[in-house]
Amino acid sequence: MTAAAFATHLAFCACLALLSAAAVWGMTHVGTLDTPGARSSHTRPTPKGGGVGIVLAFLVGTLLLYRYAAFSRIADPYFRAVILAALGIAVVAYLDDVLYWPASVKLLAQVAAALLAVGAGLSLPFIRLPWVGTVELGWLGPVLTLCWIVAATNAMNFVDGLNGLASGVSALTCAILAAIAIWVGASFVYFAAMILLAGIAGFLPFNFPRARIFMGDVGSQFCGFLLAVLAVAAGRFEAVELSVALVPMLLAGVLFDVAFTLLRRFMAGQRLAEAHRGHLYQLAHRSGMTAVRVTLVHWGFVLWGGVCCALFLGAAPVWKPLWVVMVLPPQLLWLLFVDRIATRAGSERPVLHWRRGRP
């Protein structure tokens, strides 16, 4: 890619960011108020629905690319299905922000969107493994893809509880993924990541460090769905062994927090679908860490994941699994740190000290 072409892309994304910011500004005046409750991290009513700006910028950007881009991969069959599925999730999530539908409605919408994308051909037909080579997945590919998309969509929704956490993690993931896509020549992943980044860039100043508006489910589920889709698309990089691990490496902080929290609640006999404040990032905030510091820690996890991705890409095939595993030590240190400050603050201990029947 030439410097002139990249500058043009940046200018295009800057326009989309301004479009997103304008929509978010409008939502600060008309968005539904999120009134604090017993499980909220904020203390005063704040508008939500800022994710509308992200959705609008992404849809406008992709439609313009689909109409005018001079390359064929943007017209992959699953591209149109992904856009339609993402829009469907956004519409249902926005209505839920306003009408407070049961969680089952959101889950059905996520499954339907994932089925639409998978049915259009977005799945992992193979995985390239070190030592082994290409492993054909057959029918297992679509099943794993469906489960991953639904799980990742919900994971991003679960961590949307502090200013700039979910949106900042999504933005950094998009930026690093776009750089990787340039390196491997993956135009679909590059442009989709850049456009999503532009939409989030228009929203983030309204949400961090002080929240004038929240993304709401419309933003967090939309970002989670698209990042899950980009992970699957990245998994099809033919020039990189184990490329399916790239996006999970970048989202290691989110995935670890959600997985540990669900395991903890399951072992404590709690309902997994019930609203709670038991995530590690929430425990850290309740134990005295400021929201800004907790958010910056999670941004740091993405940056460390980016370092591991860079070393992963340059490593010999035999060493690639090592760099996948290297995203975990910071998560374990964070777990021990949260356990320590939660204990000092008198909160419930998050590490293997749950009590059955306690959240």
Protein backbone atom coordinates (compact mmCIF):
# COMPACT_ATOMS: atom_id res chain seq x y z
CA MET A 1 0.00 0.00 0.00
CA THR A 2 1.35 3.43 -0.97
CA ALA A 3 1.59 6.34 1.44
CA ALA A 4 -0.88 8.31 -0.69
CA ALA A 5 -3.45 5.49 -0.56
CA PHE A 6 -3.09 5.18 3.21
CA ALA A 7 -3.51 8.96 3.62
CA THR A 8 -6.70 8.76 1.56
CA HIS A 9 -7.99 5.96 3.80
CA LEU A 10 -7.23 8.02 6.91
CA ALA A 11 -9.07 11.02 5.48
CA PHE A 12 -12.06 8.80 4.67
CA CYS A 13 -12.06 7.39 8.21
CA ALA A 14 -11.73 10.88 9.70
CA CYS A 15 -14.94 11.88 7.90
CA LEU A 16 -16.67 8.79 9.28
CA ALA A 17 -15.44 9.65 12.78
CA LEU A 18 -16.97 13.11 12.46
CA LEU A 19 -20.23 11.54 11.30
CA SER A 20 -20.16 9.23 14.32
CA ALA A 21 -19.40 12.12 16.68
CA ALA A 22 -22.32 14.14 15.29
CA ALA A 23 -24.69 11.22 15.83
CA VAL A 24 -23.37 10.63 19.36
CA TRP A 25 -23.77 14.32 20.17
CA GLY A 26 -27.36 14.09 19.01
CA MET A 27 -27.94 11.03 21.20
CA THR A 28 -26.70 12.94 24.26
CA HIS A 29 -29.85 15.06 23.86
CA VAL A 30 -32.38 12.41 22.81
CA GLY A 31 -30.91 9.16 24.18
CA THR A 32 -32.70 7.17 26.86
CA LEU A 33 -31.39 7.86 30.37
CA ASP A 34 -29.59 5.04 32.16
CA THR A 35 -30.67 5.47 35.78
CA PRO A 36 -28.18 4.03 38.32
CA GLY A 37 -29.25 0.88 40.11
CA ALA A 38 -27.80 -1.45 42.72
CA ARG A 39 -25.61 -3.11 40.11
CA SER A 40 -24.53 0.05 38.25
CA SER A 41 -21.03 1.52 38.28
CA HIS A 42 -22.21 5.08 37.64
CA THR A 43 -23.91 7.31 40.21
CA ARG A 44 -26.04 9.74 38.19
CA PRO A 45 -28.50 9.32 35.30
CA THR A 46 -26.58 9.32 32.00
CA PRO A 47 -27.86 9.03 28.43
CA LYS A 48 -27.20 5.78 26.61
CA GLY A 49 -27.40 4.79 22.98
CA GLY A 50 -24.14 6.39 21.88
CA GLY A 51 -23.40 3.22 19.94
CA VAL A 52 -25.83 4.55 17.31
CA GLY A 53 -22.98 6.76 16.07
CA ILE A 54 -20.69 3.74 15.71
CA VAL A 55 -23.35 1.81 13.80
CA LEU A 56 -24.13 4.73 11.51
CA ALA A 57 -20.48 5.40 10.65
CA PHE A 58 -19.81 1.73 9.97
CA LEU A 59 -22.86 1.31 7.73
CA VAL A 60 -22.15 4.46 5.73
CA GLY A 61 -18.48 3.54 5.36
CA THR A 62 -19.13 -0.02 4.23
CA LEU A 63 -21.88 0.99 1.82
CA LEU A 64 -19.57 3.53 0.18
CA LEU A 65 -16.82 0.94 -0.08
CA TYR A 66 -19.19 -1.65 -1.46
CA ARG A 67 -20.30 0.83 -4.12
CA TYR A 68 -16.99 2.41 -5.06
CA ALA A 69 -14.08 0.22 -3.86
CA ALA A 70 -11.87 -0.94 -6.70
CA PHE A 71 -11.15 -4.41 -5.38
CA SER A 72 -13.19 -7.58 -5.55
CA ARG A 73 -12.84 -9.08 -2.07
CA ILE A 74 -15.10 -6.41 -0.58
CA ALA A 75 -17.90 -8.14 -2.51
CA ASP A 76 -17.38 -11.54 -0.89
CA PRO A 77 -20.80 -13.19 -0.40
CA TYR A 78 -20.48 -13.12 3.37
CA PHE A 79 -19.74 -9.39 3.34
CA ARG A 80 -23.34 -8.45 2.60
CA ALA A 81 -24.65 -11.00 5.10
CA VAL A 82 -22.35 -9.69 7.82
CA ILE A 83 -23.59 -6.13 7.30
CA LEU A 84 -27.22 -7.24 7.42
CA ALA A 85 -26.61 -9.40 10.51
CA ALA A 86 -24.75 -6.63 12.33
CA LEU A 87 -27.54 -4.19 11.54
CA GLY A 88 -30.10 -6.65 12.88
CA ILE A 89 -28.20 -7.01 16.16
CA ALA A 90 -27.91 -3.22 16.45
CA VAL A 91 -31.64 -2.68 15.93
CA VAL A 92 -32.66 -5.32 18.49
CA ALA A 93 -30.06 -4.07 20.99
CA TYR A 94 -31.21 -0.46 20.62
CA LEU A 95 -34.84 -1.44 21.16
CA ASP A 96 -33.74 -3.39 24.21
CA ASP A 97 -31.95 -0.29 25.54
CA VAL A 98 -35.31 1.50 25.34
CA LEU A 99 -37.82 -1.27 26.11
CA TYR A 100 -35.75 -3.56 28.41
CA TRP A 101 -36.59 -6.84 26.71
CA PRO A 102 -35.75 -10.21 28.32
CA ALA A 103 -32.20 -11.49 27.80
CA SER A 104 -33.62 -14.36 25.73
CA VAL A 105 -34.69 -11.90 23.00
CA LYS A 106 -31.15 -10.55 22.67
CA LEU A 107 -29.72 -14.06 22.62
CA LEU A 108 -32.11 -15.13 19.86
CA ALA A 109 -31.11 -12.08 17.82
CA GLN A 110 -27.43 -12.91 18.28
CA VAL A 111 -27.93 -16.52 17.24
CA ALA A 112 -29.96 -15.46 14.21
CA ALA A 113 -27.28 -12.96 13.17
CA ALA A 114 -24.54 -15.55 13.61
CA LEU A 115 -26.54 -18.10 11.59
CA LEU A 116 -26.99 -15.55 8.80
CA ALA A 117 -23.25 -14.87 8.63
CA VAL A 118 -22.31 -18.54 8.82
CA GLY A 119 -24.96 -19.50 6.29
CA ALA A 120 -23.48 -17.00 3.84
CA GLY A 121 -20.09 -18.69 4.07
CA LEU A 122 -18.34 -16.98 6.97
CA SER A 123 -16.83 -19.90 8.85
CA LEU A 124 -13.52 -21.62 9.46
CA PRO A 125 -13.13 -24.35 6.85
CA PHE A 126 -9.64 -25.12 8.13
CA ILE A 127 -7.00 -24.23 10.72
CA ARG A 128 -3.30 -24.08 9.90
CA LEU A 129 -1.42 -25.53 12.84
CA PRO A 130 2.32 -25.62 13.51
CA TRP A 131 3.83 -29.11 13.13
CA VAL A 132 0.54 -30.43 11.74
CA GLY A 133 -0.24 -28.20 8.75
CA THR A 134 -3.74 -27.51 7.43
CA VAL A 135 -6.52 -29.28 9.32
CA GLU A 136 -9.89 -29.41 7.56
CA LEU A 137 -12.72 -28.81 10.03
CA GLY A 138 -15.66 -29.99 7.96
CA TRP A 139 -19.02 -29.61 9.71
CA LEU A 140 -17.25 -28.59 12.91
CA GLY A 141 -16.14 -25.31 11.31
CA PRO A 142 -19.62 -23.72 11.11
CA VAL A 143 -20.54 -24.98 14.59
CA LEU A 144 -17.41 -23.52 16.19
CA THR A 145 -17.88 -20.28 14.27
CA LEU A 146 -21.47 -19.93 15.46
CA CYS A 147 -20.51 -20.54 19.10
CA TRP A 148 -17.57 -18.12 18.89
CA ILE A 149 -19.63 -15.28 17.39
CA VAL A 150 -22.36 -15.56 20.03
CA ALA A 151 -19.83 -15.88 22.87
CA ALA A 152 -17.67 -12.93 21.74
CA THR A 153 -20.71 -10.72 21.16
CA ASN A 154 -21.87 -11.35 24.72
CA ALA A 155 -18.37 -10.98 26.16
CA MET A 156 -18.05 -7.43 24.87
CA ASN A 157 -21.53 -6.68 26.18
CA PHE A 158 -20.56 -8.00 29.63
CA VAL A 159 -17.53 -5.72 29.99
CA ASP A 160 -19.37 -2.57 28.90
CA GLY A 161 -19.60 -1.29 32.45
CA LEU A 162 -16.92 1.38 32.86
CA ASN A 163 -16.11 4.51 30.89
CA GLY A 164 -14.07 3.71 27.80
CA LEU A 165 -13.41 0.07 28.65
CA ALA A 166 -15.35 -1.81 25.96
CA SER A 167 -15.08 0.99 23.39
CA GLY A 168 -11.37 1.57 24.00
CA VAL A 169 -10.56 -2.13 23.88
CA SER A 170 -12.52 -2.41 20.62
CA ALA A 171 -10.75 0.61 19.11
CA LEU A 172 -7.25 -0.62 19.97
CA THR A 173 -8.09 -4.10 18.70
CA CYS A 174 -9.27 -2.64 15.40
CA ALA A 175 -6.13 -0.50 15.02
CA ILE A 176 -3.76 -3.41 15.63
CA LEU A 177 -5.81 -5.79 13.48
CA ALA A 178 -5.81 -3.27 10.61
CA ALA A 179 -2.01 -3.08 10.80
CA ILE A 180 -1.78 -6.89 10.71
CA ALA A 181 -4.17 -7.01 7.76
CA ILE A 182 -1.95 -4.59 5.82
CA TRP A 183 1.03 -6.83 6.51
CA VAL A 184 -0.72 -9.98 5.21
CA GLY A 185 -2.65 -8.21 2.42
CA ALA A 186 -6.16 -8.91 3.74
CA SER A 187 -8.29 -6.11 2.32
CA PHE A 188 -11.64 -7.13 3.88
CA VAL A 189 -10.23 -7.28 7.41
CA TYR A 190 -8.25 -4.08 6.90
CA PHE A 191 -11.14 -1.94 5.70
CA ALA A 192 -13.70 -3.39 8.11
CA ALA A 193 -11.36 -2.81 11.07
CA MET A 194 -10.54 0.74 9.95
CA ILE A 195 -14.19 1.69 9.50
CA LEU A 196 -15.20 0.26 12.87
CA LEU A 197 -12.26 2.11 14.44
CA ALA A 198 -13.47 5.35 12.85
CA GLY A 199 -16.94 4.93 14.33
CA ILE A 200 -15.55 4.23 17.80
CA ALA A 201 -13.15 7.18 17.53
CA GLY A 202 -16.15 9.46 17.10
CA PHE A 203 -17.79 8.03 20.21
CA LEU A 204 -14.86 7.66 22.63
CA PRO A 205 -14.37 11.38 23.51
CA PHE A 206 -17.96 11.45 24.77
CA ASN A 207 -17.35 8.47 27.06
CA PHE A 208 -13.78 8.72 28.37
CA PRO A 209 -12.49 9.82 30.81
CA ARG A 210 -15.85 11.36 31.79
CA ALA A 211 -19.03 9.76 30.48
CA ARG A 212 -21.47 12.16 28.84
CA ILE A 213 -23.14 9.14 27.23
CA PHE A 214 -22.84 5.35 27.25
CA MET A 215 -22.63 3.04 24.23
CA GLY A 216 -25.51 0.93 25.42
CA ASP A 217 -26.13 -2.57 24.12
CA VAL A 218 -26.49 -1.17 20.61
CA GLY A 219 -22.79 -0.27 20.65
CA SER A 220 -21.27 -3.07 22.72
CA GLN A 221 -23.08 -5.90 20.93
CA PHE A 222 -22.41 -4.35 17.53
CA CYS A 223 -18.67 -4.06 18.28
CA GLY A 224 -18.54 -7.54 19.78
CA PHE A 225 -20.26 -9.08 16.77
CA LEU A 226 -17.99 -7.37 14.25
CA LEU A 227 -14.82 -8.22 16.17
CA ALA A 228 -15.96 -11.84 16.30
CA VAL A 229 -16.53 -11.79 12.55
CA LEU A 230 -13.11 -10.24 11.96
CA ALA A 231 -11.56 -12.98 14.09
CA VAL A 232 -13.08 -15.60 11.80
CA ALA A 233 -11.95 -13.70 8.70
CA ALA A 234 -8.44 -13.42 10.15
CA GLY A 235 -8.49 -17.16 10.82
CA ARG A 236 -8.59 -17.66 7.05
CA PHE A 237 -5.24 -15.95 6.46
CA GLU A 238 -3.46 -18.53 4.35
CA ALA A 239 0.00 -17.09 4.92
CA VAL A 240 -0.08 -17.33 8.75
CA GLU A 241 -0.27 -20.51 10.81
CA LEU A 242 -2.76 -20.38 13.71
CA SER A 243 -4.02 -16.96 12.56
CA VAL A 244 -7.37 -17.75 14.19
CA ALA A 245 -5.68 -16.83 17.49
CA LEU A 246 -4.90 -13.22 16.53
CA VAL A 247 -8.11 -11.51 17.65
CA PRO A 248 -8.50 -13.65 20.80
CA MET A 249 -4.94 -12.63 21.72
CA LEU A 250 -5.94 -8.97 21.44
CA LEU A 251 -9.14 -9.55 23.42
CA ALA A 252 -7.45 -11.71 26.05
CA GLY A 253 -8.36 -9.32 28.89
CA VAL A 254 -12.06 -9.37 28.01
CA LEU A 255 -12.22 -13.11 27.35
CA PHE A 256 -10.33 -14.00 30.54
CA ASP A 257 -12.51 -11.76 32.70
CA VAL A 258 -15.73 -13.16 31.30
CA ALA A 259 -14.59 -16.80 31.39
CA PHE A 260 -13.32 -16.55 34.96
CA THR A 261 -16.44 -14.74 36.15
CA LEU A 262 -18.78 -17.30 34.60
CA LEU A 263 -16.76 -20.14 36.12
CA ARG A 264 -16.80 -18.41 39.51
CA ARG A 265 -20.55 -17.87 39.42
CA PHE A 266 -21.15 -21.44 38.24
CA MET A 267 -19.09 -22.84 41.10
CA ALA A 268 -20.99 -20.60 43.52
CA GLY A 269 -24.33 -21.93 42.25
CA GLN A 270 -25.39 -18.59 40.76
CA ARG A 271 -27.56 -18.11 37.68
CA LEU A 272 -25.22 -17.27 34.81
CA ALA A 273 -27.78 -15.09 33.02
CA GLU A 274 -28.58 -12.99 36.09
CA ALA A 275 -27.32 -9.38 36.18
CA HIS A 276 -24.44 -8.90 38.62
CA ARG A 277 -21.33 -6.89 39.48
CA GLY A 278 -18.93 -9.79 39.89
CA HIS A 279 -16.55 -9.23 36.96
CA LEU A 280 -12.93 -8.64 37.87
CA TYR A 281 -13.02 -5.10 36.49
CA GLN A 282 -16.10 -4.38 38.61
CA LEU A 283 -14.51 -5.87 41.72
CA ALA A 284 -11.43 -3.71 41.16
CA HIS A 285 -13.57 -0.59 40.81
CA ARG A 286 -15.66 -1.40 43.88
CA SER A 287 -12.47 -2.04 45.84
CA GLY A 288 -11.12 1.47 45.31
CA MET A 289 -9.52 1.65 41.84
CA THR A 290 -10.79 4.54 39.77
CA ALA A 291 -12.71 3.73 36.61
CA VAL A 292 -10.02 5.42 34.53
CA ARG A 293 -7.27 3.24 35.97
CA VAL A 294 -9.24 0.03 35.47
CA THR A 295 -9.93 1.03 31.88
CA LEU A 296 -6.28 1.85 31.24
CA VAL A 297 -5.28 -1.56 32.60
CA HIS A 298 -7.53 -3.20 30.03
CA TRP A 299 -6.16 -1.00 27.27
CA GLY A 300 -2.74 -2.21 28.39
CA PHE A 301 -3.88 -5.82 27.97
CA VAL A 302 -4.74 -5.09 24.32
CA LEU A 303 -1.38 -3.41 23.73
CA TRP A 304 0.43 -6.39 25.26
CA GLY A 305 -1.66 -8.63 23.04
CA GLY A 306 -0.50 -6.53 20.09
CA VAL A 307 3.14 -7.09 21.09
CA CYS A 308 2.50 -10.82 21.32
CA CYS A 309 0.78 -10.73 17.90
CA ALA A 310 3.79 -8.98 16.34
CA LEU A 311 6.17 -11.58 17.80
CA PHE A 312 3.73 -14.32 16.81
CA LEU A 313 3.72 -13.19 13.18
CA GLY A 314 7.50 -13.05 13.00
CA ALA A 315 8.12 -16.31 14.86
CA ALA A 316 8.90 -19.66 13.32
CA PRO A 317 5.85 -21.98 13.25
CA VAL A 318 7.20 -24.06 16.14
CA TRP A 319 7.27 -20.98 18.43
CA LYS A 320 3.87 -19.50 17.55
CA PRO A 321 1.91 -21.30 20.32
CA LEU A 322 4.32 -19.78 22.85
CA TRP A 323 3.26 -16.24 21.95
CA VAL A 324 -0.41 -17.23 22.12
CA VAL A 325 0.10 -18.42 25.69
CA MET A 326 2.12 -15.32 26.61
CA VAL A 327 -1.06 -13.20 26.70
CA LEU A 328 -2.09 -15.03 29.88
CA PRO A 329 0.54 -14.00 32.51
CA PRO A 330 -0.78 -10.39 32.74
CA GLN A 331 -4.28 -11.80 33.30
CA LEU A 332 -3.10 -14.00 36.15
CA LEU A 333 -1.25 -11.07 37.74
CA TRP A 334 -4.38 -8.93 37.41
CA LEU A 335 -6.42 -11.70 39.03
CA LEU A 336 -4.09 -11.85 42.02
CA PHE A 337 -4.00 -8.05 42.29
CA VAL A 338 -7.80 -7.77 42.29
CA ASP A 339 -7.98 -10.53 44.89
CA ARG A 340 -5.59 -8.56 47.10
CA ILE A 341 -7.34 -5.19 46.91
CA ALA A 342 -10.79 -6.81 47.19
CA THR A 343 -9.69 -8.57 50.37
CA ARG A 344 -8.32 -5.36 51.83
CA ALA A 345 -11.53 -3.52 50.98
CA GLY A 346 -13.66 -6.24 52.56
CA SER A 347 -15.19 -7.34 49.27
CA GLU A 348 -15.78 -10.98 48.45
CA ARG A 349 -12.52 -12.67 47.44
CA PRO A 350 -12.49 -13.35 43.67
CA VAL A 351 -9.89 -16.15 43.66
CA LEU A 352 -11.21 -19.59 44.69
CA HIS A 353 -12.96 -18.18 47.76
CA TRP A 354 -16.56 -18.02 46.58
CA ARG A 355 -19.39 -19.19 48.75
CA ARG A 356 -22.30 -21.12 47.36
CA GLY A 357 -25.29 -18.83 47.06
CA ARG A 358 -23.20 -15.63 47.11
CA PRO A 359 -22.87 -13.44 43.97
